[in-house]
Amino acid sequence: EYTELAPGDRGAYTLRYEILAAQKAPLKDQIEILEAY
């Protein structure tokens, strides 16, 4: 909903990271999203 309401908003990167971190996703995935941000 957030990304639909605010497409292109940079906050989407940090939100995606927070979800990945909470899920304990692979470091590679977490690093990629923060690098993009």
Full PDB file with SEQRES, HELIX, SHEET, SSBOND, CRYST1, ORIGX, SCALE, CONECT and MASTER records, all heavy atoms in Angstrom:
SEQRES   1 A   37  GLU TYR THR GLU LEU ALA PRO GLY ASP ARG GLY ALA TYR          
SEQRES   2 A   37  THR LEU ARG TYR GLU ILE LEU ALA ALA GLN LYS ALA PRO          
SEQRES   3 A   37  LEU LYS ASP GLN ILE GLU ILE LEU GLU ALA TYR                  
HELIX    1 AA1 TYR A    2  LEU A    5  1                                   4    
HELIX    2 AA2 GLY A   11  ALA A   22  1                                  12    
HELIX    3 AA3 LEU A   27  ALA A   36  1                                  10    
CRYST1    1.000    1.000    1.000  90.00  90.00  90.00 P 1           1          
ORIGX1      1.000000  0.000000  0.000000        0.00000                         
ORIGX2      0.000000  1.000000  0.000000        0.00000                         
ORIGX3      0.000000  0.000000  1.000000        0.00000                         
SCALE1      1.000000  0.000000  0.000000        0.00000                         
SCALE2      0.000000  1.000000  0.000000        0.00000                         
SCALE3      0.000000  0.000000  1.000000        0.00000                         
ATOM      1  N   GLU A   1       0.840  -1.206   0.000  1.00  0.00           N  
ATOM      2  CA  GLU A   1       0.000   0.000   0.000  1.00  0.00           C  
ATOM      3  C   GLU A   1       0.870   1.249   0.000  1.00  0.00           C  
ATOM      4  O   GLU A   1       0.577   2.233  -0.686  1.00  0.00           O  
ATOM      5  CB  GLU A   1      -0.916   0.022   1.228  1.00  0.00           C  
ATOM      6  CG  GLU A   1      -2.222  -0.702   1.036  1.00  0.00           C  
ATOM      7  CD  GLU A   1      -3.163  -0.468   2.211  1.00  0.00           C  
ATOM      8  OE1 GLU A   1      -3.638   0.682   2.392  1.00  0.00           O  
ATOM      9  OE2 GLU A   1      -3.419  -1.447   2.940  1.00  0.00           O  
ATOM     10  N   TYR A   2       1.935   1.199   0.793  1.00  0.00           N  
ATOM     11  CA  TYR A   2       2.849   2.337   0.876  1.00  0.00           C  
ATOM     12  C   TYR A   2       3.463   2.649  -0.485  1.00  0.00           C  
ATOM     13  O   TYR A   2       3.485   3.803  -0.916  1.00  0.00           O  
ATOM     14  CB  TYR A   2       3.950   2.041   1.908  1.00  0.00           C  
ATOM     15  CG  TYR A   2       4.962   3.138   2.052  1.00  0.00           C  
ATOM     16  CD1 TYR A   2       4.731   4.209   2.919  1.00  0.00           C  
ATOM     17  CD2 TYR A   2       6.148   3.129   1.331  1.00  0.00           C  
ATOM     18  CE1 TYR A   2       5.659   5.231   3.059  1.00  0.00           C  
ATOM     19  CE2 TYR A   2       7.080   4.153   1.462  1.00  0.00           C  
ATOM     20  CZ  TYR A   2       6.833   5.192   2.325  1.00  0.00           C  
ATOM     21  OH  TYR A   2       7.747   6.212   2.455  1.00  0.00           O  
ATOM     22  N   THR A   3       3.963   1.627  -1.158  1.00  0.00           N  
ATOM     23  CA  THR A   3       4.612   1.848  -2.453  1.00  0.00           C  
ATOM     24  C   THR A   3       3.611   2.279  -3.521  1.00  0.00           C  
ATOM     25  O   THR A   3       3.983   2.984  -4.459  1.00  0.00           O  
ATOM     26  CB  THR A   3       5.399   0.606  -2.918  1.00  0.00           C  
ATOM     27  OG1 THR A   3       4.530  -0.522  -2.969  1.00  0.00           O  
ATOM     28  CG2 THR A   3       6.568   0.324  -1.995  1.00  0.00           C  
ATOM     29  N   GLU A   4       2.356   1.856  -3.382  1.00  0.00           N  
ATOM     30  CA  GLU A   4       1.331   2.308  -4.331  1.00  0.00           C  
ATOM     31  C   GLU A   4       0.962   3.771  -4.079  1.00  0.00           C  
ATOM     32  O   GLU A   4       0.717   4.526  -5.013  1.00  0.00           O  
ATOM     33  CB  GLU A   4       0.085   1.421  -4.235  1.00  0.00           C  
ATOM     34  CG  GLU A   4       0.286   0.030  -4.814  1.00  0.00           C  
ATOM     35  CD  GLU A   4      -0.867  -0.914  -4.535  1.00  0.00           C  
ATOM     36  OE1 GLU A   4      -1.865  -0.505  -3.886  1.00  0.00           O  
ATOM     37  OE2 GLU A   4      -0.775  -2.077  -4.946  1.00  0.00           O  
ATOM     38  N   LEU A   5       0.921   4.145  -2.803  1.00  0.00           N  
ATOM     39  CA  LEU A   5       0.559   5.511  -2.433  1.00  0.00           C  
ATOM     40  C   LEU A   5       1.692   6.487  -2.732  1.00  0.00           C  
ATOM     41  O   LEU A   5       1.453   7.638  -3.099  1.00  0.00           O  
ATOM     42  CB  LEU A   5       0.200   5.577  -0.938  1.00  0.00           C  
ATOM     43  CG  LEU A   5      -0.314   6.890  -0.397  1.00  0.00           C  
ATOM     44  CD1 LEU A   5      -1.659   7.240  -1.051  1.00  0.00           C  
ATOM     45  CD2 LEU A   5      -0.480   6.812   1.109  1.00  0.00           C  
ATOM     46  N   ALA A   6       2.921   6.008  -2.565  1.00  0.00           N  
ATOM     47  CA  ALA A   6       4.082   6.881  -2.766  1.00  0.00           C  
ATOM     48  C   ALA A   6       5.106   6.204  -3.669  1.00  0.00           C  
ATOM     49  O   ALA A   6       6.190   5.832  -3.219  1.00  0.00           O  
ATOM     50  CB  ALA A   6       4.701   7.210  -1.411  1.00  0.00           C  
ATOM     51  N   PRO A   7       4.759   6.015  -4.947  1.00  0.00           N  
ATOM     52  CA  PRO A   7       5.718   5.354  -5.837  1.00  0.00           C  
ATOM     53  C   PRO A   7       6.985   6.187  -5.967  1.00  0.00           C  
ATOM     54  O   PRO A   7       6.932   7.408  -6.067  1.00  0.00           O  
ATOM     55  CB  PRO A   7       4.971   5.259  -7.173  1.00  0.00           C  
ATOM     56  CG  PRO A   7       3.894   6.279  -7.094  1.00  0.00           C  
ATOM     57  CD  PRO A   7       3.572   6.473  -5.649  1.00  0.00           C  
ATOM     58  N   GLY A   8       8.112   5.506  -5.921  1.00  0.00           N  
ATOM     59  CA  GLY A   8       9.387   6.200  -6.033  1.00  0.00           C  
ATOM     60  C   GLY A   8       9.883   6.823  -4.744  1.00  0.00           C  
ATOM     61  O   GLY A   8      10.958   7.402  -4.720  1.00  0.00           O  
ATOM     62  N   ASP A   9       9.124   6.732  -3.671  1.00  0.00           N  
ATOM     63  CA  ASP A   9       9.553   7.291  -2.401  1.00  0.00           C  
ATOM     64  C   ASP A   9      10.733   6.487  -1.862  1.00  0.00           C  
ATOM     65  O   ASP A   9      10.715   5.255  -1.861  1.00  0.00           O  
ATOM     66  CB  ASP A   9       8.402   7.263  -1.385  1.00  0.00           C  
ATOM     67  CG  ASP A   9       8.754   7.994  -0.116  1.00  0.00           C  
ATOM     68  OD1 ASP A   9       9.344   7.361   0.787  1.00  0.00           O  
ATOM     69  OD2 ASP A   9       8.438   9.188  -0.033  1.00  0.00           O  
ATOM     70  N   ARG A  10      11.739   7.182  -1.397  1.00  0.00           N  
ATOM     71  CA  ARG A  10      12.954   6.506  -0.922  1.00  0.00           C  
ATOM     72  C   ARG A  10      12.725   5.718   0.363  1.00  0.00           C  
ATOM     73  O   ARG A  10      13.507   4.835   0.693  1.00  0.00           O  
ATOM     74  CB  ARG A  10      14.064   7.518  -0.754  1.00  0.00           C  
ATOM     75  CG  ARG A  10      14.484   8.078  -2.101  1.00  0.00           C  
ATOM     76  CD  ARG A  10      15.653   9.026  -1.980  1.00  0.00           C  
ATOM     77  NE  ARG A  10      15.977   9.520  -3.302  1.00  0.00           N  
ATOM     78  CZ  ARG A  10      15.907  10.787  -3.656  1.00  0.00           C  
ATOM     79  NH1 ARG A  10      15.541  11.690  -2.798  1.00  0.00           N  
ATOM     80  NH2 ARG A  10      16.213  11.151  -4.883  1.00  0.00           N  
ATOM     81  N   GLY A  11      11.679   6.046   1.085  1.00  0.00           N  
ATOM     82  CA  GLY A  11      11.360   5.309   2.303  1.00  0.00           C  
ATOM     83  C   GLY A  11      11.058   3.845   2.034  1.00  0.00           C  
ATOM     84  O   GLY A  11      11.193   3.002   2.924  1.00  0.00           O  
ATOM     85  N   ALA A  12      10.685   3.521   0.814  1.00  0.00           N  
ATOM     86  CA  ALA A  12      10.395   2.128   0.457  1.00  0.00           C  
ATOM     87  C   ALA A  12      11.640   1.260   0.615  1.00  0.00           C  
ATOM     88  O   ALA A  12      11.540   0.083   0.991  1.00  0.00           O  
ATOM     89  CB  ALA A  12       9.872   2.046  -0.976  1.00  0.00           C  
ATOM     90  N   TYR A  13      12.809   1.828   0.366  1.00  0.00           N  
ATOM     91  CA  TYR A  13      14.056   1.067   0.522  1.00  0.00           C  
ATOM     92  C   TYR A  13      14.277   0.677   1.986  1.00  0.00           C  
ATOM     93  O   TYR A  13      14.599  -0.469   2.290  1.00  0.00           O  
ATOM     94  CB  TYR A  13      15.267   1.881   0.045  1.00  0.00           C  
ATOM     95  CG  TYR A  13      15.324   2.088  -1.444  1.00  0.00           C  
ATOM     96  CD1 TYR A  13      14.924   3.287  -2.009  1.00  0.00           C  
ATOM     97  CD2 TYR A  13      15.815   1.095  -2.287  1.00  0.00           C  
ATOM     98  CE1 TYR A  13      14.989   3.494  -3.378  1.00  0.00           C  
ATOM     99  CE2 TYR A  13      15.887   1.288  -3.656  1.00  0.00           C  
ATOM    100  CZ  TYR A  13      15.473   2.494  -4.196  1.00  0.00           C  
ATOM    101  OH  TYR A  13      15.535   2.685  -5.550  1.00  0.00           O  
ATOM    102  N   THR A  14      14.108   1.651   2.862  1.00  0.00           N  
ATOM    103  CA  THR A  14      14.360   1.364   4.273  1.00  0.00           C  
ATOM    104  C   THR A  14      13.310   0.425   4.844  1.00  0.00           C  
ATOM    105  O   THR A  14      13.624  -0.428   5.663  1.00  0.00           O  
ATOM    106  CB  THR A  14      14.439   2.666   5.099  1.00  0.00           C  
ATOM    107  OG1 THR A  14      13.244   3.414   4.934  1.00  0.00           O  
ATOM    108  CG2 THR A  14      15.641   3.498   4.681  1.00  0.00           C  
ATOM    109  N   LEU A  15      12.077   0.569   4.371  1.00  0.00           N  
ATOM    110  CA  LEU A  15      11.036  -0.359   4.810  1.00  0.00           C  
ATOM    111  C   LEU A  15      11.335  -1.781   4.352  1.00  0.00           C  
ATOM    112  O   LEU A  15      11.202  -2.730   5.118  1.00  0.00           O  
ATOM    113  CB  LEU A  15       9.664   0.053   4.266  1.00  0.00           C  
ATOM    114  CG  LEU A  15       8.898   1.080   5.057  1.00  0.00           C  
ATOM    115  CD1 LEU A  15       7.561   1.367   4.385  1.00  0.00           C  
ATOM    116  CD2 LEU A  15       8.683   0.640   6.484  1.00  0.00           C  
ATOM    117  N   ARG A  16      11.727  -1.919   3.099  1.00  0.00           N  
ATOM    118  CA  ARG A  16      12.064  -3.249   2.572  1.00  0.00           C  
ATOM    119  C   ARG A  16      13.203  -3.847   3.397  1.00  0.00           C  
ATOM    120  O   ARG A  16      13.189  -5.001   3.756  1.00  0.00           O  
ATOM    121  CB  ARG A  16      12.429  -3.149   1.084  1.00  0.00           C  
ATOM    122  CG  ARG A  16      12.976  -4.416   0.450  1.00  0.00           C  
ATOM    123  CD  ARG A  16      12.124  -5.655   0.553  1.00  0.00           C  
ATOM    124  NE  ARG A  16      10.790  -5.498   0.056  1.00  0.00           N  
ATOM    125  CZ  ARG A  16       9.765  -6.233   0.487  1.00  0.00           C  
ATOM    126  NH1 ARG A  16       9.918  -7.182   1.377  1.00  0.00           N  
ATOM    127  NH2 ARG A  16       8.561  -6.044   0.008  1.00  0.00           N  
ATOM    128  N   TYR A  17      14.204  -3.007   3.702  1.00  0.00           N  
ATOM    129  CA  TYR A  17      15.321  -3.486   4.513  1.00  0.00           C  
ATOM    130  C   TYR A  17      14.839  -3.949   5.891  1.00  0.00           C  
ATOM    131  O   TYR A  17      15.248  -5.006   6.376  1.00  0.00           O  
ATOM    132  CB  TYR A  17      16.402  -2.413   4.675  1.00  0.00           C  
ATOM    133  CG  TYR A  17      17.395  -2.793   5.745  1.00  0.00           C  
ATOM    134  CD1 TYR A  17      18.333  -3.802   5.514  1.00  0.00           C  
ATOM    135  CD2 TYR A  17      17.345  -2.211   7.005  1.00  0.00           C  
ATOM    136  CE1 TYR A  17      19.206  -4.194   6.501  1.00  0.00           C  
ATOM    137  CE2 TYR A  17      18.216  -2.608   7.995  1.00  0.00           C  
ATOM    138  CZ  TYR A  17      19.144  -3.600   7.744  1.00  0.00           C  
ATOM    139  OH  TYR A  17      19.994  -4.004   8.734  1.00  0.00           O  
ATOM    140  N   GLU A  18      13.987  -3.161   6.528  1.00  0.00           N  
ATOM    141  CA  GLU A  18      13.509  -3.525   7.870  1.00  0.00           C  
ATOM    142  C   GLU A  18      12.747  -4.849   7.840  1.00  0.00           C  
ATOM    143  O   GLU A  18      12.860  -5.656   8.766  1.00  0.00           O  
ATOM    144  CB  GLU A  18      12.671  -2.397   8.461  1.00  0.00           C  
ATOM    145  CG  GLU A  18      13.542  -1.207   8.829  1.00  0.00           C  
ATOM    146  CD  GLU A  18      12.813  -0.150   9.607  1.00  0.00           C  
ATOM    147  OE1 GLU A  18      11.999  -0.501  10.470  1.00  0.00           O  
ATOM    148  OE2 GLU A  18      13.087   1.041   9.361  1.00  0.00           O  
ATOM    149  N   ILE A  19      11.987  -5.071   6.793  1.00  0.00           N  
ATOM    150  CA  ILE A  19      11.275  -6.347   6.661  1.00  0.00           C  
ATOM    151  C   ILE A  19      12.281  -7.480   6.489  1.00  0.00           C  
ATOM    152  O   ILE A  19      12.199  -8.508   7.168  1.00  0.00           O  
ATOM    153  CB  ILE A  19      10.274  -6.310   5.481  1.00  0.00           C  
ATOM    154  CG1 ILE A  19       9.124  -5.338   5.773  1.00  0.00           C  
ATOM    155  CG2 ILE A  19       9.734  -7.715   5.194  1.00  0.00           C  
ATOM    156  CD1 ILE A  19       8.237  -5.043   4.570  1.00  0.00           C  
ATOM    157  N   LEU A  20      13.252  -7.284   5.604  1.00  0.00           N  
ATOM    158  CA  LEU A  20      14.269  -8.318   5.362  1.00  0.00           C  
ATOM    159  C   LEU A  20      15.073  -8.613   6.633  1.00  0.00           C  
ATOM    160  O   LEU A  20      15.354  -9.772   6.950  1.00  0.00           O  
ATOM    161  CB  LEU A  20      15.212  -7.896   4.239  1.00  0.00           C  
ATOM    162  CG  LEU A  20      14.627  -7.862   2.833  1.00  0.00           C  
ATOM    163  CD1 LEU A  20      15.628  -7.244   1.855  1.00  0.00           C  
ATOM    164  CD2 LEU A  20      14.211  -9.247   2.377  1.00  0.00           C  
ATOM    165  N   ALA A  21      15.442  -7.567   7.355  1.00  0.00           N  
ATOM    166  CA  ALA A  21      16.220  -7.749   8.582  1.00  0.00           C  
ATOM    167  C   ALA A  21      15.411  -8.513   9.625  1.00  0.00           C  
ATOM    168  O   ALA A  21      15.934  -9.411  10.287  1.00  0.00           O  
ATOM    169  CB  ALA A  21      16.668  -6.399   9.124  1.00  0.00           C  
ATOM    170  N   ALA A  22      14.135  -8.172   9.763  1.00  0.00           N  
ATOM    171  CA  ALA A  22      13.280  -8.858  10.737  1.00  0.00           C  
ATOM    172  C   ALA A  22      13.081 -10.323  10.351  1.00  0.00           C  
ATOM    173  O   ALA A  22      12.962 -11.199  11.223  1.00  0.00           O  
ATOM    174  CB  ALA A  22      11.933  -8.154  10.849  1.00  0.00           C  
ATOM    175  N   GLN A  23      13.053 -10.596   9.050  1.00  0.00           N  
ATOM    176  CA  GLN A  23      12.906 -11.975   8.571  1.00  0.00           C  
ATOM    177  C   GLN A  23      14.220 -12.747   8.630  1.00  0.00           C  
ATOM    178  O   GLN A  23      14.250 -13.932   8.335  1.00  0.00           O  
ATOM    179  CB  GLN A  23      12.414 -11.975   7.115  1.00  0.00           C  
ATOM    180  CG  GLN A  23      11.004 -11.526   6.945  1.00  0.00           C  
ATOM    181  CD  GLN A  23      10.610 -11.410   5.472  1.00  0.00           C  
ATOM    182  OE1 GLN A  23      11.418 -11.046   4.615  1.00  0.00           O  
ATOM    183  NE2 GLN A  23       9.357 -11.705   5.192  1.00  0.00           N  
ATOM    184  N   LYS A  24      15.290 -12.035   8.980  1.00  0.00           N  
ATOM    185  CA  LYS A  24      16.632 -12.625   8.980  1.00  0.00           C  
ATOM    186  C   LYS A  24      16.985 -13.177   7.598  1.00  0.00           C  
ATOM    187  O   LYS A  24      17.494 -14.283   7.449  1.00  0.00           O  
ATOM    188  CB  LYS A  24      16.773 -13.682  10.069  1.00  0.00           C  
ATOM    189  CG  LYS A  24      16.583 -13.112  11.472  1.00  0.00           C  
ATOM    190  CD  LYS A  24      16.951 -14.089  12.541  1.00  0.00           C  
ATOM    191  CE  LYS A  24      16.704 -13.658  13.946  1.00  0.00           C  
ATOM    192  NZ  LYS A  24      16.578 -12.327  14.332  1.00  0.00           N  
ATOM    193  N   ALA A  25      16.671 -12.370   6.592  1.00  0.00           N  
ATOM    194  CA  ALA A  25      16.973 -12.718   5.197  1.00  0.00           C  
ATOM    195  C   ALA A  25      18.487 -12.764   5.019  1.00  0.00           C  
ATOM    196  O   ALA A  25      19.234 -12.202   5.827  1.00  0.00           O  
ATOM    197  CB  ALA A  25      16.350 -11.681   4.264  1.00  0.00           C  
ATOM    198  N   PRO A  26      18.961 -13.411   3.961  1.00  0.00           N  
ATOM    199  CA  PRO A  26      20.401 -13.457   3.719  1.00  0.00           C  
ATOM    200  C   PRO A  26      21.021 -12.046   3.692  1.00  0.00           C  
ATOM    201  O   PRO A  26      20.402 -11.102   3.197  1.00  0.00           O  
ATOM    202  CB  PRO A  26      20.516 -14.118   2.343  1.00  0.00           C  
ATOM    203  CG  PRO A  26      19.253 -14.912   2.203  1.00  0.00           C  
ATOM    204  CD  PRO A  26      18.197 -14.141   2.940  1.00  0.00           C  
ATOM    205  N   LEU A  27      22.232 -11.938   4.221  1.00  0.00           N  
ATOM    206  CA  LEU A  27      22.922 -10.647   4.266  1.00  0.00           C  
ATOM    207  C   LEU A  27      23.022 -10.026   2.881  1.00  0.00           C  
ATOM    208  O   LEU A  27      22.898  -8.806   2.732  1.00  0.00           O  
ATOM    209  CB  LEU A  27      24.321 -10.806   4.870  1.00  0.00           C  
ATOM    210  CG  LEU A  27      24.394 -11.073   6.362  1.00  0.00           C  
ATOM    211  CD1 LEU A  27      25.830 -11.283   6.799  1.00  0.00           C  
ATOM    212  CD2 LEU A  27      23.766  -9.943   7.150  1.00  0.00           C  
ATOM    213  N   LYS A  28      23.226 -10.849   1.882  1.00  0.00           N  
ATOM    214  CA  LYS A  28      23.346 -10.375   0.503  1.00  0.00           C  
ATOM    215  C   LYS A  28      22.118  -9.547   0.107  1.00  0.00           C  
ATOM    216  O   LYS A  28      22.243  -8.466  -0.471  1.00  0.00           O  
ATOM    217  CB  LYS A  28      23.512 -11.581  -0.426  1.00  0.00           C  
ATOM    218  CG  LYS A  28      23.588 -11.273  -1.895  1.00  0.00           C  
ATOM    219  CD  LYS A  28      23.708 -12.582  -2.681  1.00  0.00           C  
ATOM    220  CE  LYS A  28      22.971 -12.637  -3.952  1.00  0.00           C  
ATOM    221  NZ  LYS A  28      21.603 -12.373  -4.112  1.00  0.00           N  
ATOM    222  N   ASP A  29      20.930 -10.038   0.442  1.00  0.00           N  
ATOM    223  CA  ASP A  29      19.693  -9.330   0.101  1.00  0.00           C  
ATOM    224  C   ASP A  29      19.568  -8.021   0.876  1.00  0.00           C  
ATOM    225  O   ASP A  29      19.147  -6.994   0.325  1.00  0.00           O  
ATOM    226  CB  ASP A  29      18.476 -10.213   0.385  1.00  0.00           C  
ATOM    227  CG  ASP A  29      18.445 -11.468  -0.466  1.00  0.00           C  
ATOM    228  OD1 ASP A  29      19.155 -11.510  -1.499  1.00  0.00           O  
ATOM    229  OD2 ASP A  29      17.720 -12.418  -0.095  1.00  0.00           O  
ATOM    230  N   GLN A  30      19.930  -8.063   2.159  1.00  0.00           N  
ATOM    231  CA  GLN A  30      19.859  -6.857   2.976  1.00  0.00           C  
ATOM    232  C   GLN A  30      20.840  -5.806   2.469  1.00  0.00           C  
ATOM    233  O   GLN A  30      20.512  -4.615   2.390  1.00  0.00           O  
ATOM    234  CB  GLN A  30      20.165  -7.195   4.437  1.00  0.00           C  
ATOM    235  CG  GLN A  30      19.126  -8.097   5.089  1.00  0.00           C  
ATOM    236  CD  GLN A  30      19.494  -8.447   6.512  1.00  0.00           C  
ATOM    237  OE1 GLN A  30      19.811  -7.576   7.299  1.00  0.00           O  
ATOM    238  NE2 GLN A  30      19.441  -9.731   6.850  1.00  0.00           N  
ATOM    239  N   ILE A  31      22.041  -6.257   2.105  1.00  0.00           N  
ATOM    240  CA  ILE A  31      23.067  -5.349   1.593  1.00  0.00           C  
ATOM    241  C   ILE A  31      22.609  -4.716   0.282  1.00  0.00           C  
ATOM    242  O   ILE A  31      22.734  -3.500   0.092  1.00  0.00           O  
ATOM    243  CB  ILE A  31      24.410  -6.093   1.412  1.00  0.00           C  
ATOM    244  CG1 ILE A  31      25.025  -6.382   2.789  1.00  0.00           C  
ATOM    245  CG2 ILE A  31      25.372  -5.311   0.530  1.00  0.00           C  
ATOM    246  CD1 ILE A  31      26.217  -7.326   2.765  1.00  0.00           C  
ATOM    247  N   GLU A  32      22.049  -5.511  -0.605  1.00  0.00           N  
ATOM    248  CA  GLU A  32      21.611  -4.994  -1.906  1.00  0.00           C  
ATOM    249  C   GLU A  32      20.608  -3.867  -1.774  1.00  0.00           C  
ATOM    250  O   GLU A  32      20.702  -2.851  -2.471  1.00  0.00           O  
ATOM    251  CB  GLU A  32      21.018  -6.122  -2.758  1.00  0.00           C  
ATOM    252  CG  GLU A  32      22.035  -7.039  -3.365  1.00  0.00           C  
ATOM    253  CD  GLU A  32      21.406  -8.213  -4.122  1.00  0.00           C  
ATOM    254  OE1 GLU A  32      20.159  -8.265  -4.261  1.00  0.00           O  
ATOM    255  OE2 GLU A  32      22.179  -9.077  -4.571  1.00  0.00           O  
ATOM    256  N   ILE A  33      19.654  -4.031  -0.881  1.00  0.00           N  
ATOM    257  CA  ILE A  33      18.617  -2.999  -0.754  1.00  0.00           C  
ATOM    258  C   ILE A  33      19.190  -1.714  -0.159  1.00  0.00           C  
ATOM    259  O   ILE A  33      18.852  -0.613  -0.607  1.00  0.00           O  
ATOM    260  CB  ILE A  33      17.373  -3.503   0.032  1.00  0.00           C  
ATOM    261  CG1 ILE A  33      16.174  -2.571  -0.167  1.00  0.00           C  
ATOM    262  CG2 ILE A  33      17.648  -3.670   1.496  1.00  0.00           C  
ATOM    263  CD1 ILE A  33      15.556  -2.630  -1.511  1.00  0.00           C  
ATOM    264  N   LEU A  34      20.088  -1.841   0.810  1.00  0.00           N  
ATOM    265  CA  LEU A  34      20.688  -0.634   1.383  1.00  0.00           C  
ATOM    266  C   LEU A  34      21.664   0.031   0.415  1.00  0.00           C  
ATOM    267  O   LEU A  34      21.748   1.263   0.372  1.00  0.00           O  
ATOM    268  CB  LEU A  34      21.384  -0.944   2.718  1.00  0.00           C  
ATOM    269  CG  LEU A  34      20.453  -1.133   3.911  1.00  0.00           C  
ATOM    270  CD1 LEU A  34      21.255  -1.336   5.191  1.00  0.00           C  
ATOM    271  CD2 LEU A  34      19.484   0.023   4.069  1.00  0.00           C  
ATOM    272  N   GLU A  35      22.364  -0.765  -0.375  1.00  0.00           N  
ATOM    273  CA  GLU A  35      23.240  -0.177  -1.397  1.00  0.00           C  
ATOM    274  C   GLU A  35      22.423   0.638  -2.398  1.00  0.00           C  
ATOM    275  O   GLU A  35      22.820   1.750  -2.768  1.00  0.00           O  
ATOM    276  CB  GLU A  35      24.022  -1.273  -2.133  1.00  0.00           C  
ATOM    277  CG  GLU A  35      25.153  -1.864  -1.340  1.00  0.00           C  
ATOM    278  CD  GLU A  35      25.841  -3.026  -2.062  1.00  0.00           C  
ATOM    279  OE1 GLU A  35      25.203  -3.685  -2.922  1.00  0.00           O  
ATOM    280  OE2 GLU A  35      27.010  -3.281  -1.743  1.00  0.00           O  
ATOM    281  N   ALA A  36      21.298   0.091  -2.805  1.00  0.00           N  
ATOM    282  CA  ALA A  36      20.427   0.810  -3.748  1.00  0.00           C  
ATOM    283  C   ALA A  36      19.937   2.118  -3.131  1.00  0.00           C  
ATOM    284  O   ALA A  36      19.891   3.158  -3.815  1.00  0.00           O  
ATOM    285  CB  ALA A  36      19.245  -0.074  -4.148  1.00  0.00           C  
ATOM    286  N   TYR A  37      19.598   2.086  -1.860  1.00  0.00           N  
ATOM    287  CA  TYR A  37      19.124   3.290  -1.178  1.00  0.00           C  
ATOM    288  C   TYR A  37      20.233   4.338  -1.076  1.00  0.00           C  
ATOM    289  O   TYR A  37      20.022   5.511  -1.398  1.00  0.00           O  
ATOM    290  CB  TYR A  37      18.597   2.942   0.213  1.00  0.00           C  
ATOM    291  CG  TYR A  37      18.207   4.150   1.023  1.00  0.00           C  
ATOM    292  CD1 TYR A  37      17.134   4.945   0.640  1.00  0.00           C  
ATOM    293  CD2 TYR A  37      18.920   4.514   2.162  1.00  0.00           C  
ATOM    294  CE1 TYR A  37      16.775   6.065   1.377  1.00  0.00           C  
ATOM    295  CE2 TYR A  37      18.571   5.625   2.897  1.00  0.00           C  
ATOM    296  CZ  TYR A  37      17.497   6.394   2.506  1.00  0.00           C  
ATOM    297  OH  TYR A  37      17.148   7.507   3.225  1.00  0.00           O  
TER     298      TYR A  37                                                      
MASTER        0    0    0    3    0    0    0    6  297    1    0    3          
END                                                                             
